[in-house]
Amino acid sequence: MAKFVDRLLLFLYSLSIGITSVIAILLLSGVIPPQLDNLDGRKLWMTALIVAIVLLLLSVRFIYVSFRRNRTSMPTIDQRTDYGDIQISVETIESLCLKAASKSRGVSDLKSRVKVTESGLDITIRAVVEGDMSIPVLTSDIQKAVHDHLEEITGIPVANVSVYIANVTPSAAFKSRVE
């Protein structure tokens, strides 16, 4: 829905700028006689004409973009097997990373980012951890879990797993209440 609204706004903007540019070109080229007497200089007319033509060309480009179908596909990782081709989307890889990282105790608010490099996948995991957890041990566990899970599930080599600890939350210690 958001793409449709954005394209509609872009189309309306382009249409209004295009109509304004056509009127300006007609006024400045002399097809329609100007009613303003204070625009005398030939350089000013030529500059305004060039600006109007550039605006018209930009508007035509924007109108084209607003009607053009979005043919870009989701980025994928392609593999060839004996039976044919396999395409795994980067979004799928990110979901698998989150699944593997969420199995570690004491982490929350996980986010992942995957980059495809020549040496394999470069993965960045962002996490919030509980305050009573050992961060080096926890990050090492997350790295190993994500690395092993991805290589086992997808068969794609993982070059690097970086873990970014964004924040530490207080641990949820339950105190018994005596009345």
C-alpha atoms as a PDB file:
ATOM      1  CA  MET A   1       0.000   0.000   0.000  1.00  0.00           C
ATOM      2  CA  ALA A   2       2.829   2.405   0.839  1.00  0.00           C
ATOM      3  CA  LYS A   3       4.468   1.865  -2.558  1.00  0.00           C
ATOM      4  CA  PHE A   4       1.171   2.666  -4.286  1.00  0.00           C
ATOM      5  CA  VAL A   5       0.764   5.924  -2.331  1.00  0.00           C
ATOM      6  CA  ASP A   6       4.385   6.891  -3.001  1.00  0.00           C
ATOM      7  CA  ARG A   7       3.987   6.237  -6.703  1.00  0.00           C
ATOM      8  CA  LEU A   8       0.742   8.210  -6.808  1.00  0.00           C
ATOM      9  CA  LEU A   9       2.381  11.178  -5.077  1.00  0.00           C
ATOM     10  CA  LEU A  10       5.354  10.971  -7.438  1.00  0.00           C
ATOM     11  CA  PHE A  11       3.002  10.871 -10.416  1.00  0.00           C
ATOM     12  CA  LEU A  12       1.036  13.921  -9.233  1.00  0.00           C
ATOM     13  CA  TYR A  13       4.249  15.837  -8.524  1.00  0.00           C
ATOM     14  CA  SER A  14       5.683  14.968 -11.906  1.00  0.00           C
ATOM     15  CA  LEU A  15       2.474  15.881 -13.697  1.00  0.00           C
ATOM     16  CA  SER A  16       2.262  19.295 -12.025  1.00  0.00           C
ATOM     17  CA  ILE A  17       5.934  20.096 -12.642  1.00  0.00           C
ATOM     18  CA  GLY A  18       5.582  18.875 -16.231  1.00  0.00           C
ATOM     19  CA  ILE A  19       2.596  21.130 -16.932  1.00  0.00           C
ATOM     20  CA  THR A  20       4.406  24.076 -15.346  1.00  0.00           C
ATOM     21  CA  SER A  21       7.498  23.351 -17.451  1.00  0.00           C
ATOM     22  CA  VAL A  22       5.477  23.160 -20.696  1.00  0.00           C
ATOM     23  CA  ILE A  23       3.830  26.518 -19.937  1.00  0.00           C
ATOM     24  CA  ALA A  24       7.215  28.053 -19.099  1.00  0.00           C
ATOM     25  CA  ILE A  25       8.758  26.689 -22.313  1.00  0.00           C
ATOM     26  CA  LEU A  26       5.894  28.095 -24.389  1.00  0.00           C
ATOM     27  CA  LEU A  27       6.176  31.489 -22.666  1.00  0.00           C
ATOM     28  CA  LEU A  28       9.959  31.666 -22.927  1.00  0.00           C
ATOM     29  CA  SER A  29      10.201  30.468 -26.529  1.00  0.00           C
ATOM     30  CA  GLY A  30       7.733  33.118 -27.710  1.00  0.00           C
ATOM     31  CA  VAL A  31       4.907  30.797 -28.783  1.00  0.00           C
ATOM     32  CA  ILE A  32       2.730  32.454 -26.131  1.00  0.00           C
ATOM     33  CA  PRO A  33       3.473  36.192 -25.802  1.00  0.00           C
ATOM     34  CA  PRO A  34       4.697  37.073 -22.310  1.00  0.00           C
ATOM     35  CA  GLN A  35       2.740  39.548 -20.231  1.00  0.00           C
ATOM     36  CA  LEU A  36       5.657  40.476 -17.995  1.00  0.00           C
ATOM     37  CA  ASP A  37       7.686  43.510 -19.121  1.00  0.00           C
ATOM     38  CA  ASN A  38      10.439  43.287 -16.502  1.00  0.00           C
ATOM     39  CA  LEU A  39      12.075  40.125 -17.984  1.00  0.00           C
ATOM     40  CA  ASP A  40      14.095  41.751 -20.799  1.00  0.00           C
ATOM     41  CA  GLY A  41      17.535  40.172 -20.822  1.00  0.00           C
ATOM     42  CA  ARG A  42      18.284  37.543 -23.445  1.00  0.00           C
ATOM     43  CA  LYS A  43      20.543  35.668 -21.005  1.00  0.00           C
ATOM     44  CA  LEU A  44      17.754  35.506 -18.455  1.00  0.00           C
ATOM     45  CA  TRP A  45      15.371  34.120 -21.083  1.00  0.00           C
ATOM     46  CA  MET A  46      17.874  31.516 -22.227  1.00  0.00           C
ATOM     47  CA  THR A  47      18.671  30.428 -18.663  1.00  0.00           C
ATOM     48  CA  ALA A  48      14.994  30.155 -17.783  1.00  0.00           C
ATOM     49  CA  LEU A  49      14.350  28.177 -20.990  1.00  0.00           C
ATOM     50  CA  ILE A  50      17.157  25.706 -20.185  1.00  0.00           C
ATOM     51  CA  VAL A  51      15.912  25.286 -16.607  1.00  0.00           C
ATOM     52  CA  ALA A  52      12.367  24.666 -17.867  1.00  0.00           C
ATOM     53  CA  ILE A  53      13.587  22.052 -20.366  1.00  0.00           C
ATOM     54  CA  VAL A  54      15.595  20.256 -17.657  1.00  0.00           C
ATOM     55  CA  LEU A  55      12.562  20.277 -15.353  1.00  0.00           C
ATOM     56  CA  LEU A  56      10.435  18.855 -18.156  1.00  0.00           C
ATOM     57  CA  LEU A  57      12.941  16.055 -18.794  1.00  0.00           C
ATOM     58  CA  LEU A  58      13.085  15.254 -15.088  1.00  0.00           C
ATOM     59  CA  SER A  59       9.302  15.152 -14.938  1.00  0.00           C
ATOM     60  CA  VAL A  60       9.130  12.773 -17.889  1.00  0.00           C
ATOM     61  CA  ARG A  61      11.625  10.530 -16.123  1.00  0.00           C
ATOM     62  CA  PHE A  62       9.615  10.597 -12.873  1.00  0.00           C
ATOM     63  CA  ILE A  63       6.374   9.838 -14.721  1.00  0.00           C
ATOM     64  CA  TYR A  64       8.089   6.877 -16.382  1.00  0.00           C
ATOM     65  CA  VAL A  65       9.350   5.633 -12.996  1.00  0.00           C
ATOM     66  CA  SER A  66       5.894   5.965 -11.459  1.00  0.00           C
ATOM     67  CA  PHE A  67       4.340   3.715 -14.127  1.00  0.00           C
ATOM     68  CA  ARG A  68       7.212   1.272 -14.504  1.00  0.00           C
ATOM     69  CA  ARG A  69       6.725  -2.057 -12.791  1.00  0.00           C
ATOM     70  CA  ASN A  70       9.196  -2.905 -10.109  1.00  0.00           C
ATOM     71  CA  ARG A  71      11.019  -5.849 -11.654  1.00  0.00           C
ATOM     72  CA  THR A  72      13.783  -6.057  -9.149  1.00  0.00           C
ATOM     73  CA  SER A  73      13.626  -9.275  -7.234  1.00  0.00           C
ATOM     74  CA  MET A  74      14.702  -9.981  -3.732  1.00  0.00           C
ATOM     75  CA  PRO A  75      18.443 -10.565  -3.473  1.00  0.00           C
ATOM     76  CA  THR A  76      19.182 -14.262  -3.469  1.00  0.00           C
ATOM     77  CA  ILE A  77      22.075 -16.602  -3.026  1.00  0.00           C
ATOM     78  CA  ASP A  78      22.243 -18.992  -5.951  1.00  0.00           C
ATOM     79  CA  GLN A  79      23.670 -22.499  -5.801  1.00  0.00           C
ATOM     80  CA  ARG A  80      23.938 -25.109  -8.501  1.00  0.00           C
ATOM     81  CA  THR A  81      23.451 -28.787  -7.693  1.00  0.00           C
ATOM     82  CA  ASP A  82      23.345 -31.914  -9.800  1.00  0.00           C
ATOM     83  CA  TYR A  83      19.560 -31.625  -9.975  1.00  0.00           C
ATOM     84  CA  GLY A  84      19.254 -27.928 -10.745  1.00  0.00           C
ATOM     85  CA  ASP A  85      19.544 -24.455  -9.263  1.00  0.00           C
ATOM     86  CA  ILE A  86      18.731 -23.420  -5.705  1.00  0.00           C
ATOM     87  CA  GLN A  87      17.923 -19.837  -4.768  1.00  0.00           C
ATOM     88  CA  ILE A  88      17.790 -18.817  -1.109  1.00  0.00           C
ATOM     89  CA  SER A  89      16.711 -15.281  -0.334  1.00  0.00           C
ATOM     90  CA  VAL A  90      18.799 -13.114   1.956  1.00  0.00           C
ATOM     91  CA  GLU A  91      15.647 -12.625   4.025  1.00  0.00           C
ATOM     92  CA  THR A  92      15.537 -16.384   4.635  1.00  0.00           C
ATOM     93  CA  ILE A  93      19.179 -16.362   5.748  1.00  0.00           C
ATOM     94  CA  GLU A  94      18.406 -13.506   8.163  1.00  0.00           C
ATOM     95  CA  SER A  95      15.472 -15.458   9.607  1.00  0.00           C
ATOM     96  CA  LEU A  96      17.662 -18.516  10.113  1.00  0.00           C
ATOM     97  CA  CYS A  97      20.252 -16.337  11.879  1.00  0.00           C
ATOM     98  CA  LEU A  98      17.613 -14.968  14.241  1.00  0.00           C
ATOM     99  CA  LYS A  99      16.293 -18.450  14.938  1.00  0.00           C
ATOM    100  CA  ALA A 100      19.747 -19.751  15.834  1.00  0.00           C
ATOM    101  CA  ALA A 101      20.656 -16.698  17.935  1.00  0.00           C
ATOM    102  CA  SER A 102      17.358 -16.726  19.839  1.00  0.00           C
ATOM    103  CA  LYS A 103      18.154 -20.167  21.251  1.00  0.00           C
ATOM    104  CA  SER A 104      20.830 -18.585  23.438  1.00  0.00           C
ATOM    105  CA  ARG A 105      19.551 -17.819  26.928  1.00  0.00           C
ATOM    106  CA  GLY A 106      19.576 -14.184  28.025  1.00  0.00           C
ATOM    107  CA  VAL A 107      19.298 -12.437  24.634  1.00  0.00           C
ATOM    108  CA  SER A 108      16.438 -10.344  23.336  1.00  0.00           C
ATOM    109  CA  ASP A 109      15.644  -7.754  20.676  1.00  0.00           C
ATOM    110  CA  LEU A 110      17.619  -9.584  17.998  1.00  0.00           C
ATOM    111  CA  LYS A 111      18.235  -8.147  14.554  1.00  0.00           C
ATOM    112  CA  SER A 112      20.394  -9.557  11.781  1.00  0.00           C
ATOM    113  CA  ARG A 113      22.031  -8.279   8.632  1.00  0.00           C
ATOM    114  CA  VAL A 114      23.574 -10.504   5.974  1.00  0.00           C
ATOM    115  CA  LYS A 115      26.098  -9.494   3.341  1.00  0.00           C
ATOM    116  CA  VAL A 116      27.185 -11.857   0.598  1.00  0.00           C
ATOM    117  CA  THR A 117      30.929 -11.796  -0.023  1.00  0.00           C
ATOM    118  CA  GLU A 118      33.217 -13.915  -2.186  1.00  0.00           C
ATOM    119  CA  SER A 119      34.475 -15.829   0.843  1.00  0.00           C
ATOM    120  CA  GLY A 120      30.959 -16.562   2.144  1.00  0.00           C
ATOM    121  CA  LEU A 121      28.306 -14.894   4.226  1.00  0.00           C
ATOM    122  CA  ASP A 122      29.180 -11.958   6.455  1.00  0.00           C
ATOM    123  CA  ILE A 123      26.598 -11.864   9.223  1.00  0.00           C
ATOM    124  CA  THR A 124      26.015  -9.182  11.838  1.00  0.00           C
ATOM    125  CA  ILE A 125      23.765  -9.916  14.796  1.00  0.00           C
ATOM    126  CA  ARG A 126      22.508  -7.094  17.028  1.00  0.00           C
ATOM    127  CA  ALA A 127      21.288  -8.141  20.452  1.00  0.00           C
ATOM    128  CA  VAL A 128      20.298  -6.887  23.872  1.00  0.00           C
ATOM    129  CA  VAL A 129      21.523  -9.088  26.717  1.00  0.00           C
ATOM    130  CA  GLU A 130      20.603  -9.560  30.352  1.00  0.00           C
ATOM    131  CA  GLY A 131      22.925  -7.938  32.876  1.00  0.00           C
ATOM    132  CA  ASP A 132      23.999 -11.076  34.694  1.00  0.00           C
ATOM    133  CA  MET A 133      25.247 -12.873  31.564  1.00  0.00           C
ATOM    134  CA  SER A 134      28.924 -13.092  30.632  1.00  0.00           C
ATOM    135  CA  ILE A 135      29.094 -11.132  27.376  1.00  0.00           C
ATOM    136  CA  PRO A 136      32.195 -12.885  25.933  1.00  0.00           C
ATOM    137  CA  VAL A 137      30.735 -16.327  26.599  1.00  0.00           C
ATOM    138  CA  LEU A 138      27.301 -15.339  25.298  1.00  0.00           C
ATOM    139  CA  THR A 139      28.616 -13.758  22.094  1.00  0.00           C
ATOM    140  CA  SER A 140      30.841 -16.747  21.447  1.00  0.00           C
ATOM    141  CA  ASP A 141      27.842 -19.057  21.868  1.00  0.00           C
ATOM    142  CA  ILE A 142      25.758 -16.914  19.490  1.00  0.00           C
ATOM    143  CA  GLN A 143      28.533 -16.865  16.887  1.00  0.00           C
ATOM    144  CA  LYS A 144      28.984 -20.623  17.012  1.00  0.00           C
ATOM    145  CA  ALA A 145      25.236 -21.318  16.983  1.00  0.00           C
ATOM    146  CA  VAL A 146      24.588 -19.041  13.997  1.00  0.00           C
ATOM    147  CA  HIS A 147      27.642 -20.272  12.079  1.00  0.00           C
ATOM    148  CA  ASP A 148      26.876 -23.965  12.586  1.00  0.00           C
ATOM    149  CA  HIS A 149      23.111 -23.626  12.022  1.00  0.00           C
ATOM    150  CA  LEU A 150      23.500 -21.740   8.733  1.00  0.00           C
ATOM    151  CA  GLU A 151      26.144 -24.018   7.301  1.00  0.00           C
ATOM    152  CA  GLU A 152      24.124 -27.084   8.280  1.00  0.00           C
ATOM    153  CA  ILE A 153      20.782 -25.830   6.953  1.00  0.00           C
ATOM    154  CA  THR A 154      21.859 -23.980   3.777  1.00  0.00           C
ATOM    155  CA  GLY A 155      25.231 -25.450   2.897  1.00  0.00           C
ATOM    156  CA  ILE A 156      26.529 -21.925   2.272  1.00  0.00           C
ATOM    157  CA  PRO A 157      29.910 -21.162   3.845  1.00  0.00           C
ATOM    158  CA  VAL A 158      29.814 -18.530   6.594  1.00  0.00           C
ATOM    159  CA  ALA A 159      32.874 -16.299   6.533  1.00  0.00           C
ATOM    160  CA  ASN A 160      32.191 -14.142   9.559  1.00  0.00           C
ATOM    161  CA  VAL A 161      29.628 -13.757  12.339  1.00  0.00           C
ATOM    162  CA  SER A 162      29.846 -10.460  14.200  1.00  0.00           C
ATOM    163  CA  VAL A 163      27.796  -9.874  17.329  1.00  0.00           C
ATOM    164  CA  TYR A 164      26.978  -6.337  18.382  1.00  0.00           C
ATOM    165  CA  ILE A 165      25.674  -5.940  21.924  1.00  0.00           C
ATOM    166  CA  ALA A 166      23.425  -2.900  21.745  1.00  0.00           C
ATOM    167  CA  ASN A 167      22.407  -2.728  25.383  1.00  0.00           C
ATOM    168  CA  VAL A 168      22.252  -4.573  28.669  1.00  0.00           C
ATOM    169  CA  THR A 169      18.955  -5.013  30.466  1.00  0.00           C
ATOM    170  CA  PRO A 170      18.588  -5.738  34.154  1.00  0.00           C
ATOM    171  CA  SER A 171      18.062  -9.393  34.857  1.00  0.00           C
ATOM    172  CA  ALA A 172      14.593 -10.430  35.842  1.00  0.00           C
ATOM    173  CA  ALA A 173      15.238 -11.584  39.381  1.00  0.00           C
ATOM    174  CA  PHE A 174      12.095 -12.664  41.141  1.00  0.00           C
ATOM    175  CA  LYS A 175      12.029 -11.873  44.823  1.00  0.00           C
ATOM    176  CA  SER A 176       9.721 -13.793  47.018  1.00  0.00           C
ATOM    177  CA  ARG A 177       7.290 -11.641  48.858  1.00  0.00           C
ATOM    178  CA  VAL A 178       6.603 -12.419  52.469  1.00  0.00           C
ATOM    179  CA  GLU A 179       3.504 -11.010  54.086  1.00  0.00           C
END
